[in-house]
N, C-alpha and C. Protein backbone atom coordinates (compact mmCIF):
# COMPACT_ATOMS: atom_id res chain seq x y z
N MET A 1 0.80 -1.19 0.00
CA MET A 1 -0.02 -0.02 0.03
C MET A 1 0.89 1.34 -0.01
N ARG A 2 0.45 2.25 -0.75
CA ARG A 2 1.26 3.51 -0.82
C ARG A 2 1.15 4.29 0.59
N ARG A 3 2.09 5.10 0.72
CA ARG A 3 2.13 5.90 1.99
C ARG A 3 1.00 6.96 1.84
N GLY A 4 0.31 7.22 2.94
CA GLY A 4 -0.74 8.31 2.83
C GLY A 4 -2.10 7.82 2.38
N VAL A 5 -2.22 6.48 1.94
CA VAL A 5 -3.48 5.93 1.41
C VAL A 5 -4.07 5.01 2.54
N LEU A 6 -5.30 5.19 2.79
CA LEU A 6 -5.86 4.46 4.02
C LEU A 6 -6.60 3.40 3.40
N ASN A 7 -6.69 2.22 4.00
CA ASN A 7 -7.50 1.22 3.53
C ASN A 7 -8.93 1.33 4.23
N HIS A 8 -9.90 0.68 3.82
CA HIS A 8 -11.24 0.81 4.24
C HIS A 8 -11.46 0.61 5.69
N ALA A 9 -10.64 -0.34 6.42
CA ALA A 9 -10.70 -0.71 7.71
C ALA A 9 -10.16 0.62 8.54
N GLU A 10 -9.13 1.20 8.09
CA GLU A 10 -8.63 2.41 8.78
C GLU A 10 -9.55 3.51 8.87
N VAL A 11 -10.24 3.71 7.66
CA VAL A 11 -11.20 4.84 7.45
C VAL A 11 -12.35 4.59 8.45
N GLU A 12 -12.75 3.32 8.62
CA GLU A 12 -13.83 3.02 9.49
C GLU A 12 -13.46 3.16 10.84
N ASP A 13 -12.13 2.91 11.23
CA ASP A 13 -11.74 3.14 12.55
C ASP A 13 -11.65 4.62 12.91
N ARG A 14 -11.23 5.46 11.90
CA ARG A 14 -11.31 6.87 12.20
C ARG A 14 -12.69 7.48 12.40
N VAL A 15 -13.62 6.99 11.52
CA VAL A 15 -15.12 7.47 11.68
C VAL A 15 -15.52 6.98 13.04
N LYS A 16 -15.39 5.81 13.40
CA LYS A 16 -15.74 5.31 14.88
C LYS A 16 -15.11 6.29 16.00
N ALA A 17 -13.95 6.57 15.74
CA ALA A 17 -13.14 7.49 16.83
C ALA A 17 -13.82 8.77 16.93
N ILE A 18 -14.18 9.39 15.71
CA ILE A 18 -14.75 10.78 15.77
C ILE A 18 -16.19 10.64 16.26
N LYS A 19 -16.88 9.63 16.03
CA LYS A 19 -18.23 9.45 16.60
C LYS A 19 -18.13 9.28 18.13
N GLN A 20 -17.04 8.64 18.62
CA GLN A 20 -16.80 8.51 20.08
C GLN A 20 -16.72 9.78 20.77
N VAL A 21 -16.06 10.75 20.05
CA VAL A 21 -15.73 12.02 20.72
C VAL A 21 -16.92 12.99 20.58
N GLY A 22 -17.91 12.78 20.11
CA GLY A 22 -19.16 13.60 19.95
C GLY A 22 -19.86 13.86 18.73
N LEU A 23 -19.32 13.29 17.52
CA LEU A 23 -20.05 13.46 16.48
C LEU A 23 -21.35 12.85 16.23
N SER A 24 -21.47 11.84 17.09
CA SER A 24 -22.82 10.93 17.09
C SER A 24 -23.93 11.77 17.70
N LEU A 25 -23.57 12.87 18.34
CA LEU A 25 -24.60 13.67 19.04
C LEU A 25 -25.24 14.66 18.10
N LEU A 26 -25.07 14.69 16.78
CA LEU A 26 -25.64 15.41 15.80
C LEU A 26 -26.86 14.92 15.41
N PRO A 27 -27.94 15.57 14.77
CA PRO A 27 -28.01 16.92 14.48
C PRO A 27 -28.77 17.80 15.42
N SER A 28 -28.31 19.06 15.41
CA SER A 28 -28.95 20.12 16.22
C SER A 28 -29.86 20.89 15.17
N LYS A 29 -30.84 21.68 15.58
CA LYS A 29 -31.64 22.42 14.55
C LYS A 29 -30.87 23.77 14.09
N SER A 30 -29.68 23.90 14.63
CA SER A 30 -28.88 25.13 14.40
C SER A 30 -27.62 24.70 13.55
N TRP A 31 -27.61 25.28 12.30
CA TRP A 31 -26.40 24.81 11.37
C TRP A 31 -25.11 25.47 11.98
N GLN A 32 -25.10 26.61 12.66
CA GLN A 32 -24.04 27.11 13.37
C GLN A 32 -23.42 26.10 14.47
N LEU A 33 -24.45 25.76 15.28
CA LEU A 33 -24.03 24.77 16.32
C LEU A 33 -23.52 23.39 15.75
N ASN A 34 -24.05 22.91 14.81
CA ASN A 34 -23.69 21.65 14.13
C ASN A 34 -22.18 21.94 13.62
N THR A 35 -22.05 23.04 12.95
CA THR A 35 -20.61 23.33 12.33
C THR A 35 -19.64 23.30 13.49
N ALA A 36 -19.92 24.03 14.59
CA ALA A 36 -19.03 24.17 15.71
C ALA A 36 -18.83 22.74 16.47
N TRP A 37 -19.87 22.02 16.42
CA TRP A 37 -19.72 20.62 17.14
C TRP A 37 -18.83 19.70 16.31
N VAL A 38 -18.89 19.74 14.90
CA VAL A 38 -18.14 18.92 14.03
C VAL A 38 -16.76 19.29 14.20
N LEU A 39 -16.44 20.68 14.31
CA LEU A 39 -15.07 21.15 14.39
C LEU A 39 -14.59 20.75 15.84
N ALA A 40 -15.22 20.84 16.80
CA ALA A 40 -14.69 20.42 18.20
C ALA A 40 -14.45 18.92 18.18
N ALA A 41 -15.33 18.22 17.53
CA ALA A 41 -15.12 16.63 17.50
C ALA A 41 -13.82 16.38 16.59
N ARG A 42 -13.62 16.99 15.39
CA ARG A 42 -12.49 16.77 14.75
C ARG A 42 -11.18 17.13 15.46
N LEU A 43 -11.29 18.21 16.23
CA LEU A 43 -10.12 18.73 17.04
C LEU A 43 -9.76 17.72 18.11
N ALA A 44 -10.82 17.06 18.73
CA ALA A 44 -10.50 16.10 19.76
C ALA A 44 -10.02 14.83 19.21
N THR A 45 -10.43 14.46 17.96
CA THR A 45 -9.92 13.23 17.25
C THR A 45 -8.43 13.47 16.90
N ASP A 46 -8.08 14.81 16.35
CA ASP A 46 -6.85 15.05 16.02
C ASP A 46 -5.88 15.05 17.22
N LEU A 47 -6.38 15.60 18.29
CA LEU A 47 -5.59 15.67 19.55
C LEU A 47 -5.34 14.15 20.11
N ASP A 48 -6.33 13.32 19.96
CA ASP A 48 -6.03 11.90 20.20
C ASP A 48 -4.99 11.24 19.35
N ALA A 49 -4.98 11.47 18.09
CA ALA A 49 -4.04 10.91 17.21
C ALA A 49 -2.60 11.36 17.34
N TRP A 50 -2.48 12.83 17.67
CA TRP A 50 -1.19 13.21 18.08
C TRP A 50 -0.61 12.81 19.37
N THR A 51 -1.52 12.58 20.29
CA THR A 51 -1.13 12.06 21.59
C THR A 51 -0.59 10.62 21.45
N ARG A 52 -1.31 9.88 20.70
CA ARG A 52 -0.85 8.45 20.44
C ARG A 52 0.56 8.44 19.73
N LEU A 53 0.67 9.28 18.72
CA LEU A 53 1.89 9.36 17.95
C LEU A 53 3.13 9.93 18.85
N LEU A 54 2.86 10.93 19.60
CA LEU A 54 3.96 11.66 20.19
C LEU A 54 4.26 11.07 21.59
N VAL A 55 3.22 10.70 22.30
CA VAL A 55 3.29 10.43 23.83
C VAL A 55 3.24 8.82 24.09
N LEU A 56 2.47 8.15 23.34
CA LEU A 56 2.23 6.78 23.68
C LEU A 56 2.99 5.71 22.92
N HIS A 57 3.87 6.22 22.18
CA HIS A 57 4.67 5.34 21.25
C HIS A 57 5.54 4.16 22.07
N ASP A 58 5.80 4.34 23.33
CA ASP A 58 6.49 3.45 24.00
C ASP A 58 5.49 2.46 24.60
N THR A 59 4.24 2.62 24.60
CA THR A 59 3.33 1.83 25.17
C THR A 59 2.41 1.28 24.00
N PRO A 60 2.74 0.35 23.21
CA PRO A 60 1.86 -0.11 22.02
C PRO A 60 0.49 -0.61 22.38
N GLU A 61 0.20 -1.23 23.62
CA GLU A 61 -1.04 -1.69 23.77
C GLU A 61 -1.95 -0.45 23.89
N LEU A 62 -1.39 0.81 24.44
CA LEU A 62 -2.21 1.99 24.60
C LEU A 62 -2.38 2.77 23.20
N ALA A 63 -1.08 2.75 22.61
CA ALA A 63 -1.20 3.40 21.29
C ALA A 63 -2.21 2.90 20.31
N ALA A 64 -2.56 1.65 20.29
CA ALA A 64 -3.35 1.03 19.40
C ALA A 64 -4.86 0.73 20.06
N ALA A 65 -4.96 1.12 21.31
CA ALA A 65 -6.24 0.95 22.15
C ALA A 65 -7.40 1.85 21.40
N GLU A 66 -8.67 1.46 21.80
CA GLU A 66 -9.79 2.13 21.51
C GLU A 66 -9.80 3.39 22.46
N LEU A 67 -10.57 4.30 22.03
CA LEU A 67 -10.57 5.63 22.72
C LEU A 67 -11.10 5.34 24.16
N GLU A 68 -12.23 4.58 24.30
CA GLU A 68 -12.76 4.41 25.63
C GLU A 68 -11.71 3.77 26.52
N THR A 69 -10.80 2.84 26.05
CA THR A 69 -9.77 2.27 26.80
C THR A 69 -8.71 3.35 27.31
N ILE A 70 -8.47 4.30 26.34
CA ILE A 70 -7.52 5.45 26.77
C ILE A 70 -8.21 6.13 27.84
N ARG A 71 -9.63 6.49 27.72
CA ARG A 71 -10.20 7.30 28.81
C ARG A 71 -10.20 6.51 30.11
N MET A 72 -10.45 5.33 30.13
CA MET A 72 -10.39 4.49 31.30
C MET A 72 -9.06 4.31 32.02
N LYS A 73 -8.07 4.19 31.12
CA LYS A 73 -6.75 3.76 31.72
C LYS A 73 -5.87 5.13 31.99
N LEU A 74 -6.12 6.18 31.22
CA LEU A 74 -5.21 7.39 31.42
C LEU A 74 -6.04 8.50 31.97
N ASN A 75 -7.11 8.80 31.40
CA ASN A 75 -7.87 10.00 31.64
C ASN A 75 -8.60 9.97 33.03
N HIS A 76 -9.05 8.88 33.43
CA HIS A 76 -9.67 8.62 34.77
C HIS A 76 -8.61 8.25 35.73
N LEU A 77 -7.67 9.17 35.98
CA LEU A 77 -6.54 8.94 36.73
C LEU A 77 -6.81 9.11 38.24
N PRO A 78 -6.68 7.90 38.99
CA PRO A 78 -6.68 8.07 40.50
C PRO A 78 -5.54 8.58 41.01
N GLY A 79 -5.50 9.93 41.27
CA GLY A 79 -4.37 10.65 41.78
C GLY A 79 -4.93 11.89 42.63
N ARG A 80 -3.94 12.52 43.16
CA ARG A 80 -4.22 13.72 43.99
C ARG A 80 -3.13 14.72 43.54
N LEU A 81 -3.63 15.99 43.33
CA LEU A 81 -2.91 17.12 42.79
C LEU A 81 -2.79 18.09 44.00
N THR A 82 -1.57 18.30 44.41
CA THR A 82 -1.26 19.16 45.66
C THR A 82 -0.38 20.34 45.20
N ALA A 83 -0.45 21.30 46.00
CA ALA A 83 0.39 22.47 45.72
C ALA A 83 1.15 23.07 46.99
N HIS A 84 2.42 23.30 46.73
CA HIS A 84 3.17 23.63 47.90
C HIS A 84 4.42 24.50 47.41
N ALA A 85 4.67 25.76 47.93
CA ALA A 85 5.77 26.52 47.56
C ALA A 85 5.67 26.82 46.02
N ARG A 86 4.45 27.13 45.42
CA ARG A 86 4.21 27.61 44.09
C ARG A 86 4.61 26.45 43.18
N ARG A 87 4.52 25.23 43.61
CA ARG A 87 4.86 24.12 42.74
C ARG A 87 3.56 23.09 42.83
N ARG A 88 3.19 22.51 41.83
CA ARG A 88 2.10 21.62 41.86
C ARG A 88 2.70 20.12 41.71
N THR A 89 2.24 19.22 42.44
CA THR A 89 2.70 17.79 42.35
C THR A 89 1.51 16.88 42.25
N LEU A 90 1.65 16.05 41.22
CA LEU A 90 0.70 14.96 41.22
C LEU A 90 1.09 13.64 41.80
N HIS A 91 0.26 13.22 42.75
CA HIS A 91 0.54 12.05 43.49
C HIS A 91 -0.20 10.88 42.85
N LEU A 92 0.42 9.90 42.35
CA LEU A 92 -0.32 8.67 41.69
C LEU A 92 -0.31 7.52 42.85
N ASP A 93 -1.43 6.81 42.73
CA ASP A 93 -1.52 5.59 43.40
C ASP A 93 -0.50 4.53 42.83
N ARG A 94 0.41 4.01 43.57
CA ARG A 94 1.41 3.12 42.99
C ARG A 94 0.96 1.83 42.73
N THR A 95 -0.12 1.49 43.22
CA THR A 95 -0.85 0.15 42.87
C THR A 95 -1.64 0.22 41.63
N TRP A 96 -1.96 1.60 41.07
CA TRP A 96 -2.69 1.57 39.87
C TRP A 96 -1.93 0.90 38.72
N PRO A 97 -2.54 0.05 37.98
CA PRO A 97 -1.72 -0.74 37.00
C PRO A 97 -1.11 0.16 35.79
N TRP A 98 -1.74 1.30 35.62
CA TRP A 98 -1.33 2.10 34.56
C TRP A 98 -0.35 3.38 34.97
N ALA A 99 0.03 3.31 36.23
CA ALA A 99 0.83 4.46 36.63
C ALA A 99 2.16 4.59 35.75
N ALA A 100 2.68 3.52 35.49
CA ALA A 100 4.08 3.62 34.78
C ALA A 100 3.87 4.10 33.39
N ALA A 101 2.87 3.55 32.69
CA ALA A 101 2.54 4.03 31.32
C ALA A 101 2.16 5.52 31.45
N PHE A 102 1.37 5.97 32.35
CA PHE A 102 1.11 7.45 32.60
C PHE A 102 2.25 8.16 32.63
N THR A 103 3.08 7.82 33.59
CA THR A 103 4.42 8.53 33.96
C THR A 103 5.34 8.64 32.69
N THR A 104 5.45 7.57 31.88
CA THR A 104 6.25 7.54 30.74
C THR A 104 5.67 8.63 29.74
N ALA A 105 4.33 8.48 29.46
CA ALA A 105 3.63 9.44 28.63
C ALA A 105 3.88 10.87 28.99
N TRP A 106 3.71 11.21 30.28
CA TRP A 106 3.95 12.45 30.84
C TRP A 106 5.28 13.03 30.54
N GLN A 107 6.29 12.16 30.76
CA GLN A 107 7.63 12.39 30.56
C GLN A 107 7.85 12.88 28.99
N HIS A 108 7.24 12.03 28.16
CA HIS A 108 7.31 12.26 26.58
C HIS A 108 6.77 13.66 26.37
N ALA A 109 5.63 13.86 26.90
CA ALA A 109 4.98 15.09 26.64
C ALA A 109 5.70 16.39 27.18
N THR A 110 6.34 16.18 28.37
CA THR A 110 7.18 17.47 28.93
C THR A 110 8.41 17.50 28.07
N ARG A 111 8.93 16.62 27.34
CA ARG A 111 10.10 16.60 26.75
C ARG A 111 10.01 17.07 25.18
N LEU A 112 8.69 17.35 24.74
CA LEU A 112 8.54 17.78 23.50
C LEU A 112 9.03 19.24 23.38
N PRO A 113 9.64 19.50 22.21
CA PRO A 113 10.14 20.84 22.09
C PRO A 113 8.96 22.07 22.01
N ALA A 114 9.29 23.06 22.69
CA ALA A 114 8.34 24.19 22.58
C ALA A 114 8.28 24.94 21.34
N LEU A 115 7.24 25.22 21.05
CA LEU A 115 7.10 26.05 19.72
C LEU A 115 7.69 27.42 19.93
N THR A 116 8.39 27.87 18.86
CA THR A 116 8.95 29.28 18.94
C THR A 116 8.45 30.26 17.91
C-alpha cells in the first residue's frame, strides 16, 4: 500500500473514533451549532491521534487501544494534585496498573520541544 493511502478498515476506525468524541450527537436544529460541534469533534480526534503518535509510542497496547480504553486507563486517573511553594505535584497511586504508562507518557509530553 502506498504511504498516505488508507484502507477501508482504517477509515472505518477513524469514523468510529470521531463518533466516540461527540460527532454522534448531531444533528441540532442550528447549522452554526452543528458546524462548531463537528469542528470540536474533529479537533478532539486530531488531539487523540497526536497524543498516540508523540506520547504513547512506548506503550503499544495503549497506542493502538480504543478511545474508551484510553479514557479509562489514562484520563480517569486516580491521583491527587497538591500545591506547595508555588509548585504542583501529582501523586499517583502506586498500585494503579497504568501508573508507569502514564508517567512515561507524561515524561514524553514534557520533553516535546516548545514552539518558537
